[in-house]
Amino acid sequence: MLFKTGLSLLEQSRHDDAVVYFKQVLNKEPKHAGANYYSGVIAVRNGQLGEAQRFMETASERDPEGYPESLMMLGRIHRDFGRFSEANKAFERFLKYKSTGPEADEARQLLGRRRAQ
């Protein structure tokens, strides 16, 4: 119920309210993939990349198939910090779970750029 309430608030762009519910979920179940993923999304939005990284790592370890976007976001965070090897690993893992669509195209493009350098 807490998780669904957080999602509903997030869909209404009530990020500050949503994160309160996701934190309550994480207090009860620290490795909850969805609560970690959406907390990470909000942390990225707020410019808290270090915190977002921790959330995305947990989400991607717990349920990479259910939340492949956590791997894409993790790759972007690593890239922004200049950790290109880690970024590439995250992009490659993302493509294992989601091989089509705009984000998959972006991941392949970013991987190609790094290999060309």
PDB file of N, CA and C in Angstrom:
ATOM      1  N   MET A   1       0.819  -1.196   0.000  1.00  0.00           N
ATOM      2  CA  MET A   1       0.000   0.000   0.000  1.00  0.00           C
ATOM      3  C   MET A   1       0.866   1.264   0.000  1.00  0.00           C
ATOM      4  N   LEU A   2       1.907   1.283   0.812  1.00  0.00           N
ATOM      5  CA  LEU A   2       2.790   2.452   0.861  1.00  0.00           C
ATOM      6  C   LEU A   2       3.452   2.684  -0.493  1.00  0.00           C
ATOM      7  N   PHE A   3       3.906   1.589  -1.121  1.00  0.00           N
ATOM      8  CA  PHE A   3       4.579   1.705  -2.411  1.00  0.00           C
ATOM      9  C   PHE A   3       3.623   2.259  -3.460  1.00  0.00           C
ATOM     10  N   LYS A   4       2.407   1.737  -3.501  1.00  0.00           N
ATOM     11  CA  LYS A   4       1.422   2.204  -4.481  1.00  0.00           C
ATOM     12  C   LYS A   4       1.069   3.668  -4.256  1.00  0.00           C
ATOM     13  N   THR A   5       0.990   4.073  -3.008  1.00  0.00           N
ATOM     14  CA  THR A   5       0.718   5.478  -2.704  1.00  0.00           C
ATOM     15  C   THR A   5       1.865   6.350  -3.202  1.00  0.00           C
ATOM     16  N   GLY A   6       3.096   5.899  -2.983  1.00  0.00           N
ATOM     17  CA  GLY A   6       4.258   6.635  -3.483  1.00  0.00           C
ATOM     18  C   GLY A   6       4.234   6.765  -4.995  1.00  0.00           C
ATOM     19  N   LEU A   7       3.896   5.675  -5.686  1.00  0.00           N
ATOM     20  CA  LEU A   7       3.803   5.718  -7.150  1.00  0.00           C
ATOM     21  C   LEU A   7       2.736   6.696  -7.609  1.00  0.00           C
ATOM     22  N   SER A   8       1.597   6.664  -6.950  1.00  0.00           N
ATOM     23  CA  SER A   8       0.508   7.575  -7.301  1.00  0.00           C
ATOM     24  C   SER A   8       0.941   9.033  -7.139  1.00  0.00           C
ATOM     25  N   LEU A   9       1.609   9.322  -6.051  1.00  0.00           N
ATOM     26  CA  LEU A   9       2.098  10.686  -5.817  1.00  0.00           C
ATOM     27  C   LEU A   9       3.156  11.072  -6.846  1.00  0.00           C
ATOM     28  N   LEU A  10       4.016  10.135  -7.198  1.00  0.00           N
ATOM     29  CA  LEU A  10       5.046  10.399  -8.204  1.00  0.00           C
ATOM     30  C   LEU A  10       4.401  10.709  -9.550  1.00  0.00           C
ATOM     31  N   GLU A  11       3.362   9.964  -9.910  1.00  0.00           N
ATOM     32  CA  GLU A  11       2.649  10.211 -11.163  1.00  0.00           C
ATOM     33  C   GLU A  11       1.994  11.585 -11.185  1.00  0.00           C
ATOM     34  N   GLN A  12       1.702  12.119 -10.011  1.00  0.00           N
ATOM     35  CA  GLN A  12       1.120  13.458  -9.895  1.00  0.00           C
ATOM     36  C   GLN A  12       2.202  14.535  -9.775  1.00  0.00           C
ATOM     37  N   SER A  13       3.458  14.127  -9.964  1.00  0.00           N
ATOM     38  CA  SER A  13       4.621  15.023  -9.839  1.00  0.00           C
ATOM     39  C   SER A  13       4.767  15.584  -8.431  1.00  0.00           C
ATOM     40  N   ARG A  14       4.293  14.857  -7.444  1.00  0.00           N
ATOM     41  CA  ARG A  14       4.448  15.255  -6.044  1.00  0.00           C
ATOM     42  C   ARG A  14       5.636  14.482  -5.472  1.00  0.00           C
ATOM     43  N   HIS A  15       6.817  14.817  -5.981  1.00  0.00           N
ATOM     44  CA  HIS A  15       8.040  14.079  -5.681  1.00  0.00           C
ATOM     45  C   HIS A  15       8.397  14.074  -4.200  1.00  0.00           C
ATOM     46  N   ASP A  16       8.289  15.225  -3.565  1.00  0.00           N
ATOM     47  CA  ASP A  16       8.651  15.301  -2.146  1.00  0.00           C
ATOM     48  C   ASP A  16       7.735  14.431  -1.290  1.00  0.00           C
ATOM     49  N   ASP A  17       6.465  14.382  -1.654  1.00  0.00           N
ATOM     50  CA  ASP A  17       5.526  13.535  -0.919  1.00  0.00           C
ATOM     51  C   ASP A  17       5.785  12.059  -1.216  1.00  0.00           C
ATOM     52  N   ALA A  18       6.057  11.753  -2.476  1.00  0.00           N
ATOM     53  CA  ALA A  18       6.290  10.363  -2.884  1.00  0.00           C
ATOM     54  C   ALA A  18       7.485   9.766  -2.161  1.00  0.00           C
ATOM     55  N   VAL A  19       8.549  10.538  -2.044  1.00  0.00           N
ATOM     56  CA  VAL A  19       9.769  10.002  -1.436  1.00  0.00           C
ATOM     57  C   VAL A  19       9.539   9.619   0.029  1.00  0.00           C
ATOM     58  N   VAL A  20       8.629  10.300   0.691  1.00  0.00           N
ATOM     59  CA  VAL A  20       8.300   9.954   2.080  1.00  0.00           C
ATOM     60  C   VAL A  20       7.753   8.528   2.146  1.00  0.00           C
ATOM     61  N   TYR A  21       6.896   8.182   1.205  1.00  0.00           N
ATOM     62  CA  TYR A  21       6.321   6.831   1.178  1.00  0.00           C
ATOM     63  C   TYR A  21       7.358   5.791   0.785  1.00  0.00           C
ATOM     64  N   PHE A  22       8.208   6.136  -0.185  1.00  0.00           N
ATOM     65  CA  PHE A  22       9.253   5.185  -0.585  1.00  0.00           C
ATOM     66  C   PHE A  22      10.217   4.927   0.571  1.00  0.00           C
ATOM     67  N   LYS A  23      10.515   5.967   1.347  1.00  0.00           N
ATOM     68  CA  LYS A  23      11.394   5.784   2.513  1.00  0.00           C
ATOM     69  C   LYS A  23      10.745   4.868   3.549  1.00  0.00           C
ATOM     70  N   GLN A  24       9.439   4.993   3.714  1.00  0.00           N
ATOM     71  CA  GLN A  24       8.745   4.109   4.658  1.00  0.00           C
ATOM     72  C   GLN A  24       8.831   2.656   4.194  1.00  0.00           C
ATOM     73  N   VAL A  25       8.696   2.445   2.889  1.00  0.00           N
ATOM     74  CA  VAL A  25       8.837   1.096   2.340  1.00  0.00           C
ATOM     75  C   VAL A  25      10.243   0.580   2.615  1.00  0.00           C
ATOM     76  N   LEU A  26      11.248   1.429   2.355  1.00  0.00           N
ATOM     77  CA  LEU A  26      12.644   1.013   2.523  1.00  0.00           C
ATOM     78  C   LEU A  26      13.002   0.779   3.986  1.00  0.00           C
ATOM     79  N   ASN A  27      12.339   1.470   4.895  1.00  0.00           N
ATOM     80  CA  ASN A  27      12.563   1.208   6.324  1.00  0.00           C
ATOM     81  C   ASN A  27      12.124  -0.205   6.690  1.00  0.00           C
ATOM     82  N   LYS A  28      11.065  -0.683   6.039  1.00  0.00           N
ATOM     83  CA  LYS A  28      10.555  -2.033   6.313  1.00  0.00           C
ATOM     84  C   LYS A  28      11.263  -3.090   5.476  1.00  0.00           C
ATOM     85  N   GLU A  29      11.615  -2.717   4.250  1.00  0.00           N
ATOM     86  CA  GLU A  29      12.227  -3.664   3.309  1.00  0.00           C
ATOM     87  C   GLU A  29      13.323  -2.933   2.517  1.00  0.00           C
ATOM     88  N   PRO A  30      14.531  -2.831   3.080  1.00  0.00           N
ATOM     89  CA  PRO A  30      15.601  -2.018   2.487  1.00  0.00           C
ATOM     90  C   PRO A  30      15.977  -2.369   1.047  1.00  0.00           C
ATOM     91  N   LYS A  31      15.736  -3.588   0.637  1.00  0.00           N
ATOM     92  CA  LYS A  31      16.126  -3.984  -0.717  1.00  0.00           C
ATOM     93  C   LYS A  31      14.953  -4.004  -1.694  1.00  0.00           C
ATOM     94  N   HIS A  32      13.853  -3.373  -1.352  1.00  0.00           N
ATOM     95  CA  HIS A  32      12.686  -3.312  -2.239  1.00  0.00           C
ATOM     96  C   HIS A  32      13.103  -2.621  -3.538  1.00  0.00           C
ATOM     97  N   ALA A  33      13.074  -3.372  -4.634  1.00  0.00           N
ATOM     98  CA  ALA A  33      13.597  -2.864  -5.909  1.00  0.00           C
ATOM     99  C   ALA A  33      12.860  -1.621  -6.383  1.00  0.00           C
ATOM    100  N   GLY A  34      11.548  -1.651  -6.340  1.00  0.00           N
ATOM    101  CA  GLY A  34      10.770  -0.517  -6.832  1.00  0.00           C
ATOM    102  C   GLY A  34      10.988   0.745  -6.017  1.00  0.00           C
ATOM    103  N   ALA A  35      10.961   0.614  -4.704  1.00  0.00           N
ATOM    104  CA  ALA A  35      11.164   1.785  -3.846  1.00  0.00           C
ATOM    105  C   ALA A  35      12.569   2.344  -4.028  1.00  0.00           C
ATOM    106  N   ASN A  36      13.555   1.467  -4.205  1.00  0.00           N
ATOM    107  CA  ASN A  36      14.914   1.944  -4.470  1.00  0.00           C
ATOM    108  C   ASN A  36      14.982   2.651  -5.816  1.00  0.00           C
ATOM    109  N   TYR A  37      14.383   2.052  -6.842  1.00  0.00           N
ATOM    110  CA  TYR A  37      14.427   2.659  -8.177  1.00  0.00           C
ATOM    111  C   TYR A  37      13.793   4.052  -8.169  1.00  0.00           C
ATOM    112  N   TYR A  38      12.570   4.145  -7.670  1.00  0.00           N
ATOM    113  CA  TYR A  38      11.885   5.436  -7.717  1.00  0.00           C
ATOM    114  C   TYR A  38      12.509   6.458  -6.773  1.00  0.00           C
ATOM    115  N   SER A  39      13.073   6.015  -5.656  1.00  0.00           N
ATOM    116  CA  SER A  39      13.830   6.943  -4.801  1.00  0.00           C
ATOM    117  C   SER A  39      15.042   7.463  -5.555  1.00  0.00           C
ATOM    118  N   GLY A  40      15.667   6.586  -6.345  1.00  0.00           N
ATOM    119  CA  GLY A  40      16.798   7.001  -7.168  1.00  0.00           C
ATOM    120  C   GLY A  40      16.405   7.995  -8.239  1.00  0.00           C
ATOM    121  N   VAL A  41      15.253   7.775  -8.856  1.00  0.00           N
ATOM    122  CA  VAL A  41      14.755   8.714  -9.870  1.00  0.00           C
ATOM    123  C   VAL A  41      14.583  10.100  -9.252  1.00  0.00           C
ATOM    124  N   ILE A  42      13.987  10.141  -8.072  1.00  0.00           N
ATOM    125  CA  ILE A  42      13.775  11.420  -7.393  1.00  0.00           C
ATOM    126  C   ILE A  42      15.114  12.036  -6.994  1.00  0.00           C
ATOM    127  N   ALA A  43      16.052  11.222  -6.532  1.00  0.00           N
ATOM    128  CA  ALA A  43      17.375  11.736  -6.157  1.00  0.00           C
ATOM    129  C   ALA A  43      18.086  12.334  -7.368  1.00  0.00           C
ATOM    130  N   VAL A  44      17.988  11.678  -8.529  1.00  0.00           N
ATOM    131  CA  VAL A  44      18.586  12.244  -9.753  1.00  0.00           C
ATOM    132  C   VAL A  44      17.941  13.586 -10.052  1.00  0.00           C
ATOM    133  N   ARG A  45      16.628  13.631  -9.979  1.00  0.00           N
ATOM    134  CA  ARG A  45      15.892  14.871 -10.251  1.00  0.00           C
ATOM    135  C   ARG A  45      16.356  15.997  -9.324  1.00  0.00           C
ATOM    136  N   ASN A  46      16.697  15.642  -8.091  1.00  0.00           N
ATOM    137  CA  ASN A  46      17.146  16.637  -7.111  1.00  0.00           C
ATOM    138  C   ASN A  46      18.649  16.883  -7.151  1.00  0.00           C
ATOM    139  N   GLY A  47      19.343  16.257  -8.108  1.00  0.00           N
ATOM    140  CA  GLY A  47      20.783  16.468  -8.250  1.00  0.00           C
ATOM    141  C   GLY A  47      21.628  15.730  -7.231  1.00  0.00           C
ATOM    142  N   GLN A  48      21.064  14.745  -6.560  1.00  0.00           N
ATOM    143  CA  GLN A  48      21.775  13.977  -5.534  1.00  0.00           C
ATOM    144  C   GLN A  48      22.287  12.680  -6.159  1.00  0.00           C
ATOM    145  N   LEU A  49      23.312  12.791  -6.996  1.00  0.00           N
ATOM    146  CA  LEU A  49      23.762  11.648  -7.786  1.00  0.00           C
ATOM    147  C   LEU A  49      24.389  10.538  -6.951  1.00  0.00           C
ATOM    148  N   GLY A  50      25.097  10.886  -5.899  1.00  0.00           N
ATOM    149  CA  GLY A  50      25.680   9.854  -5.038  1.00  0.00           C
ATOM    150  C   GLY A  50      24.604   9.001  -4.385  1.00  0.00           C
ATOM    151  N   GLU A  51      23.576   9.659  -3.892  1.00  0.00           N
ATOM    152  CA  GLU A  51      22.457   8.941  -3.283  1.00  0.00           C
ATOM    153  C   GLU A  51      21.706   8.135  -4.341  1.00  0.00           C
ATOM    154  N   ALA A  52      21.514   8.736  -5.502  1.00  0.00           N
ATOM    155  CA  ALA A  52      20.833   8.041  -6.600  1.00  0.00           C
ATOM    156  C   ALA A  52      21.596   6.781  -6.993  1.00  0.00           C
ATOM    157  N   GLN A  53      22.912   6.869  -7.009  1.00  0.00           N
ATOM    158  CA  GLN A  53      23.731   5.709  -7.362  1.00  0.00           C
ATOM    159  C   GLN A  53      23.454   4.545  -6.415  1.00  0.00           C
ATOM    160  N   ARG A  54      23.405   4.818  -5.138  1.00  0.00           N
ATOM    161  CA  ARG A  54      23.146   3.749  -4.161  1.00  0.00           C
ATOM    162  C   ARG A  54      21.770   3.108  -4.386  1.00  0.00           C
ATOM    163  N   PHE A  55      20.773   3.942  -4.633  1.00  0.00           N
ATOM    164  CA  PHE A  55      19.435   3.404  -4.887  1.00  0.00           C
ATOM    165  C   PHE A  55      19.413   2.557  -6.156  1.00  0.00           C
ATOM    166  N   MET A  56      20.048   3.054  -7.220  1.00  0.00           N
ATOM    167  CA  MET A  56      20.041   2.336  -8.496  1.00  0.00           C
ATOM    168  C   MET A  56      20.835   1.031  -8.407  1.00  0.00           C
ATOM    169  N   GLU A  57      21.919   1.046  -7.656  1.00  0.00           N
ATOM    170  CA  GLU A  57      22.687  -0.194  -7.473  1.00  0.00           C
ATOM    171  C   GLU A  57      21.829  -1.264  -6.799  1.00  0.00           C
ATOM    172  N   THR A  58      21.101  -0.865  -5.769  1.00  0.00           N
ATOM    173  CA  THR A  58      20.255  -1.831  -5.068  1.00  0.00           C
ATOM    174  C   THR A  58      19.135  -2.333  -5.974  1.00  0.00           C
ATOM    175  N   ALA A  59      18.477  -1.427  -6.678  1.00  0.00           N
ATOM    176  CA  ALA A  59      17.380  -1.829  -7.576  1.00  0.00           C
ATOM    177  C   ALA A  59      17.883  -2.767  -8.664  1.00  0.00           C
ATOM    178  N   SER A  60      19.048  -2.440  -9.236  1.00  0.00           N
ATOM    179  CA  SER A  60      19.562  -3.260 -10.343  1.00  0.00           C
ATOM    180  C   SER A  60      20.074  -4.616  -9.861  1.00  0.00           C
ATOM    181  N   GLU A  61      20.559  -4.678  -8.637  1.00  0.00           N
ATOM    182  CA  GLU A  61      20.996  -5.964  -8.079  1.00  0.00           C
ATOM    183  C   GLU A  61      19.796  -6.824  -7.696  1.00  0.00           C
ATOM    184  N   ARG A  62      18.779  -6.189  -7.184  1.00  0.00           N
ATOM    185  CA  ARG A  62      17.608  -6.915  -6.677  1.00  0.00           C
ATOM    186  C   ARG A  62      16.696  -7.415  -7.801  1.00  0.00           C
ATOM    187  N   ASP A  63      16.456  -6.562  -8.820  1.00  0.00           N
ATOM    188  CA  ASP A  63      15.509  -6.939  -9.875  1.00  0.00           C
ATOM    189  C   ASP A  63      15.852  -6.240 -11.190  1.00  0.00           C
ATOM    190  N   PRO A  64      16.951  -6.642 -11.834  1.00  0.00           N
ATOM    191  CA  PRO A  64      17.345  -5.977 -13.083  1.00  0.00           C
ATOM    192  C   PRO A  64      16.344  -6.193 -14.211  1.00  0.00           C
ATOM    193  N   GLU A  65      15.652  -7.311 -14.180  1.00  0.00           N
ATOM    194  CA  GLU A  65      14.661  -7.575 -15.228  1.00  0.00           C
ATOM    195  C   GLU A  65      13.427  -6.690 -15.053  1.00  0.00           C
ATOM    196  N   GLY A  66      13.015  -6.481 -13.827  1.00  0.00           N
ATOM    197  CA  GLY A  66      11.851  -5.647 -13.544  1.00  0.00           C
ATOM    198  C   GLY A  66      12.133  -4.163 -13.651  1.00  0.00           C
ATOM    199  N   TYR A  67      13.377  -3.778 -13.397  1.00  0.00           N
ATOM    200  CA  TYR A  67      13.767  -2.365 -13.423  1.00  0.00           C
ATOM    201  C   TYR A  67      15.049  -2.182 -14.228  1.00  0.00           C
ATOM    202  N   PRO A  68      15.046  -2.533 -15.521  1.00  0.00           N
ATOM    203  CA  PRO A  68      16.269  -2.383 -16.316  1.00  0.00           C
ATOM    204  C   PRO A  68      16.714  -0.926 -16.428  1.00  0.00           C
ATOM    205  N   GLU A  69      15.749  -0.016 -16.305  1.00  0.00           N
ATOM    206  CA  GLU A  69      16.095   1.405 -16.373  1.00  0.00           C
ATOM    207  C   GLU A  69      17.049   1.804 -15.253  1.00  0.00           C
ATOM    208  N   SER A  70      17.046   1.037 -14.160  1.00  0.00           N
ATOM    209  CA  SER A  70      17.990   1.331 -13.075  1.00  0.00           C
ATOM    210  C   SER A  70      19.423   1.177 -13.575  1.00  0.00           C
ATOM    211  N   LEU A  71      19.645   0.225 -14.472  1.00  0.00           N
ATOM    212  CA  LEU A  71      20.983   0.027 -15.046  1.00  0.00           C
ATOM    213  C   LEU A  71      21.353   1.175 -15.975  1.00  0.00           C
ATOM    214  N   MET A  72      20.389   1.637 -16.752  1.00  0.00           N
ATOM    215  CA  MET A  72      20.648   2.762 -17.652  1.00  0.00           C
ATOM    216  C   MET A  72      20.994   4.009 -16.841  1.00  0.00           C
ATOM    217  N   MET A  73      20.214   4.260 -15.801  1.00  0.00           N
ATOM    218  CA  MET A  73      20.481   5.433 -14.972  1.00  0.00           C
ATOM    219  C   MET A  73      21.808   5.293 -14.240  1.00  0.00           C
ATOM    220  N   LEU A  74      22.117   4.086 -13.798  1.00  0.00           N
ATOM    221  CA  LEU A  74      23.397   3.845 -13.139  1.00  0.00           C
ATOM    222  C   LEU A  74      24.542   4.127 -14.107  1.00  0.00           C
ATOM    223  N   GLY A  75      24.395   3.705 -15.353  1.00  0.00           N
ATOM    224  CA  GLY A  75      25.406   4.001 -16.367  1.00  0.00           C
ATOM    225  C   GLY A  75      25.584   5.491 -16.571  1.00  0.00           C
ATOM    226  N   ARG A  76      24.484   6.211 -16.625  1.00  0.00           N
ATOM    227  CA  ARG A  76      24.557   7.674 -16.803  1.00  0.00           C
ATOM    228  C   ARG A  76      25.262   8.331 -15.616  1.00  0.00           C
ATOM    229  N   ILE A  77      24.949   7.864 -14.411  1.00  0.00           N
ATOM    230  CA  ILE A  77      25.583   8.428 -13.213  1.00  0.00           C
ATOM    231  C   ILE A  77      27.087   8.171 -13.254  1.00  0.00           C
ATOM    232  N   HIS A  78      27.484   6.935 -13.546  1.00  0.00           N
ATOM    233  CA  HIS A  78      28.916   6.621 -13.645  1.00  0.00           C
ATOM    234  C   HIS A  78      29.578   7.495 -14.715  1.00  0.00           C
ATOM    235  N   ARG A  79      28.910   7.649 -15.846  1.00  0.00           N
ATOM    236  CA  ARG A  79      29.455   8.483 -16.926  1.00  0.00           C
ATOM    237  C   ARG A  79      29.643   9.919 -16.443  1.00  0.00           C
ATOM    238  N   ASP A  80      28.640  10.456 -15.746  1.00  0.00           N
ATOM    239  CA  ASP A  80      28.726  11.834 -15.259  1.00  0.00           C
ATOM    240  C   ASP A  80      29.880  12.023 -14.277  1.00  0.00           C
ATOM    241  N   PHE A  81      30.232  10.967 -13.542  1.00  0.00           N
ATOM    242  CA  PHE A  81      31.360  11.023 -12.611  1.00  0.00           C
ATOM    243  C   PHE A  81      32.683  10.649 -13.274  1.00  0.00           C
ATOM    244  N   GLY A  82      32.647  10.374 -14.590  1.00  0.00           N
ATOM    245  CA  GLY A  82      33.869  10.040 -15.319  1.00  0.00           C
ATOM    246  C   GLY A  82      34.329   8.607 -15.130  1.00  0.00           C
ATOM    247  N   ARG A  83      33.460   7.759 -14.614  1.00  0.00           N
ATOM    248  CA  ARG A  83      33.794   6.342 -14.412  1.00  0.00           C
ATOM    249  C   ARG A  83      33.281   5.550 -15.620  1.00  0.00           C
ATOM    250  N   PHE A  84      34.013   5.651 -16.714  1.00  0.00           N
ATOM    251  CA  PHE A  84      33.526   5.137 -17.993  1.00  0.00           C
ATOM    252  C   PHE A  84      33.484   3.613 -18.053  1.00  0.00           C
ATOM    253  N   SER A  85      34.418   2.945 -17.417  1.00  0.00           N
ATOM    254  CA  SER A  85      34.402   1.487 -17.409  1.00  0.00           C
ATOM    255  C   SER A  85      33.145   0.967 -16.706  1.00  0.00           C
ATOM    256  N   GLU A  86      32.828   1.553 -15.550  1.00  0.00           N
ATOM    257  CA  GLU A  86      31.628   1.162 -14.821  1.00  0.00           C
ATOM    258  C   GLU A  86      30.376   1.521 -15.611  1.00  0.00           C
ATOM    259  N   ALA A  87      30.408   2.678 -16.281  1.00  0.00           N
ATOM    260  CA  ALA A  87      29.271   3.092 -17.107  1.00  0.00           C
ATOM    261  C   ALA A  87      29.025   2.075 -18.210  1.00  0.00           C
ATOM    262  N   ASN A  88      30.095   1.672 -18.884  1.00  0.00           N
ATOM    263  CA  ASN A  88      29.953   0.697 -19.968  1.00  0.00           C
ATOM    264  C   ASN A  88      29.374  -0.620 -19.470  1.00  0.00           C
ATOM    265  N   LYS A  89      29.823  -1.067 -18.310  1.00  0.00           N
ATOM    266  CA  LYS A  89      29.285  -2.314 -17.747  1.00  0.00           C
ATOM    267  C   LYS A  89      27.782  -2.191 -17.487  1.00  0.00           C
ATOM    268  N   ALA A  90      27.381  -1.047 -16.963  1.00  0.00           N
ATOM    269  CA  ALA A  90      25.955  -0.837 -16.686  1.00  0.00           C
ATOM    270  C   ALA A  90      25.152  -0.792 -17.986  1.00  0.00           C
ATOM    271  N   PHE A  91      25.680  -0.100 -19.009  1.00  0.00           N
ATOM    272  CA  PHE A  91      24.972  -0.035 -20.293  1.00  0.00           C
ATOM    273  C   PHE A  91      24.860  -1.423 -20.921  1.00  0.00           C
ATOM    274  N   GLU A  92      25.928  -2.206 -20.842  1.00  0.00           N
ATOM    275  CA  GLU A  92      25.901  -3.562 -21.399  1.00  0.00           C
ATOM    276  C   GLU A  92      24.887  -4.439 -20.661  1.00  0.00           C
ATOM    277  N   ARG A  93      24.845  -4.320 -19.346  1.00  0.00           N
ATOM    278  CA  ARG A  93      23.852  -5.084 -18.571  1.00  0.00           C
ATOM    279  C   ARG A  93      22.437  -4.634 -18.915  1.00  0.00           C
ATOM    280  N   PHE A  94      22.259  -3.334 -19.094  1.00  0.00           N
ATOM    281  CA  PHE A  94      20.946  -2.814 -19.475  1.00  0.00           C
ATOM    282  C   PHE A  94      20.474  -3.466 -20.764  1.00  0.00           C
ATOM    283  N   LEU A  95      21.365  -3.549 -21.745  1.00  0.00           N
ATOM    284  CA  LEU A  95      21.001  -4.100 -23.052  1.00  0.00           C
ATOM    285  C   LEU A  95      20.638  -5.585 -22.977  1.00  0.00           C
ATOM    286  N   LYS A  96      21.109  -6.277 -21.964  1.00  0.00           N
ATOM    287  CA  LYS A  96      20.714  -7.688 -21.788  1.00  0.00           C
ATOM    288  C   LYS A  96      19.233  -7.806 -21.437  1.00  0.00           C
ATOM    289  N   TYR A  97      18.706  -6.798 -20.773  1.00  0.00           N
ATOM    290  CA  TYR A  97      17.320  -6.843 -20.321  1.00  0.00           C
ATOM    291  C   TYR A  97      16.376  -6.047 -21.209  1.00  0.00           C
ATOM    292  N   LYS A  98      16.913  -5.065 -21.911  1.00  0.00           N
ATOM    293  CA  LYS A  98      16.069  -4.223 -22.762  1.00  0.00           C
ATOM    294  C   LYS A  98      16.871  -3.868 -24.011  1.00  0.00           C
ATOM    295  N   SER A  99      16.632  -4.603 -25.074  1.00  0.00           N
ATOM    296  CA  SER A  99      17.458  -4.445 -26.276  1.00  0.00           C
ATOM    297  C   SER A  99      16.818  -3.580 -27.351  1.00  0.00           C
ATOM    298  N   THR A 100      15.592  -3.123 -27.136  1.00  0.00           N
ATOM    299  CA  THR A 100      14.934  -2.272 -28.122  1.00  0.00           C
ATOM    300  C   THR A 100      14.430  -1.000 -27.457  1.00  0.00           C
ATOM    301  N   GLY A 101      14.173  -0.013 -28.285  1.00  0.00           N
ATOM    302  CA  GLY A 101      13.630   1.246 -27.790  1.00  0.00           C
ATOM    303  C   GLY A 101      14.680   2.337 -27.731  1.00  0.00           C
ATOM    304  N   PRO A 102      14.234   3.557 -27.441  1.00  0.00           N
ATOM    305  CA  PRO A 102      15.140   4.715 -27.436  1.00  0.00           C
ATOM    306  C   PRO A 102      16.297   4.598 -26.448  1.00  0.00           C
ATOM    307  N   GLU A 103      16.028   4.068 -25.252  1.00  0.00           N
ATOM    308  CA  GLU A 103      17.114   3.947 -24.272  1.00  0.00           C
ATOM    309  C   GLU A 103      18.138   2.914 -24.714  1.00  0.00           C
ATOM    310  N   ALA A 104      17.687   1.838 -25.363  1.00  0.00           N
ATOM    311  CA  ALA A 104      18.622   0.829 -25.880  1.00  0.00           C
ATOM    312  C   ALA A 104      19.485   1.443 -26.975  1.00  0.00           C
ATOM    313  N   ASP A 105      18.861   2.256 -27.828  1.00  0.00           N
ATOM    314  CA  ASP A 105      19.625   2.945 -28.875  1.00  0.00           C
ATOM    315  C   ASP A 105      20.659   3.882 -28.255  1.00  0.00           C
ATOM    316  N   GLU A 106      20.243   4.594 -27.207  1.00  0.00           N
ATOM    317  CA  GLU A 106      21.168   5.502 -26.510  1.00  0.00           C
ATOM    318  C   GLU A 106      22.325   4.723 -25.887  1.00  0.00           C
ATOM    319  N   ALA A 107      22.019   3.597 -25.258  1.00  0.00           N
ATOM    320  CA  ALA A 107      23.070   2.781 -24.627  1.00  0.00           C
ATOM    321  C   ALA A 107      24.070   2.300 -25.671  1.00  0.00           C
ATOM    322  N   ARG A 108      23.570   1.821 -26.807  1.00  0.00           N
ATOM    323  CA  ARG A 108      24.480   1.368 -27.872  1.00  0.00           C
ATOM    324  C   ARG A 108      25.321   2.523 -28.404  1.00  0.00           C
ATOM    325  N   GLN A 109      24.707   3.682 -28.544  1.00  0.00           N
ATOM    326  CA  GLN A 109      25.440   4.855 -29.025  1.00  0.00           C
ATOM    327  C   GLN A 109      26.535   5.248 -28.030  1.00  0.00           C
ATOM    328  N   LEU A 110      26.214   5.265 -26.755  1.00  0.00           N
ATOM    329  CA  LEU A 110      27.213   5.617 -25.739  1.00  0.00           C
ATOM    330  C   LEU A 110      28.330   4.585 -25.678  1.00  0.00           C
ATOM    331  N   LEU A 111      27.991   3.320 -25.798  1.00  0.00           N
ATOM    332  CA  LEU A 111      29.018   2.274 -25.821  1.00  0.00           C
ATOM    333  C   LEU A 111      29.913   2.433 -27.039  1.00  0.00           C
ATOM    334  N   GLY A 112      29.341   2.765 -28.169  1.00  0.00           N
ATOM    335  CA  GLY A 112      30.118   2.962 -29.393  1.00  0.00           C
ATOM    336  C   GLY A 112      31.065   4.134 -29.291  1.00  0.00           C
ATOM    337  N   ARG A 113      30.612   5.208 -28.678  1.00  0.00           N
ATOM    338  CA  ARG A 113      31.465   6.390 -28.493  1.00  0.00           C
ATOM    339  C   ARG A 113      32.666   6.064 -27.632  1.00  0.00           C
ATOM    340  N   ARG A 114      32.431   5.355 -26.544  1.00  0.00           N
ATOM    341  CA  ARG A 114      33.532   5.037 -25.625  1.00  0.00           C
ATOM    342  C   ARG A 114      34.540   4.113 -26.289  1.00  0.00           C
ATOM    343  N   ARG A 115      34.067   3.181 -27.098  1.00  0.00           N
ATOM    344  CA  ARG A 115      34.983   2.247 -27.755  1.00  0.00           C
ATOM    345  C   ARG A 115      35.789   2.937 -28.841  1.00  0.00           C
ATOM    346  N   ALA A 116      35.220   3.981 -29.438  1.00  0.00           N
ATOM    347  CA  ALA A 116      35.909   4.697 -30.513  1.00  0.00           C
ATOM    348  C   ALA A 116      37.002   5.612 -29.966  1.00  0.00           C
ATOM    349  N   GLN A 117      36.917   5.954 -28.693  1.00  0.00           N
ATOM    350  CA  GLN A 117      37.893   6.896 -28.116  1.00  0.00           C
ATOM    351  C   GLN A 117      39.174   6.204 -27.722  1.00  0.00           C
TER     352      GLN A 117
END
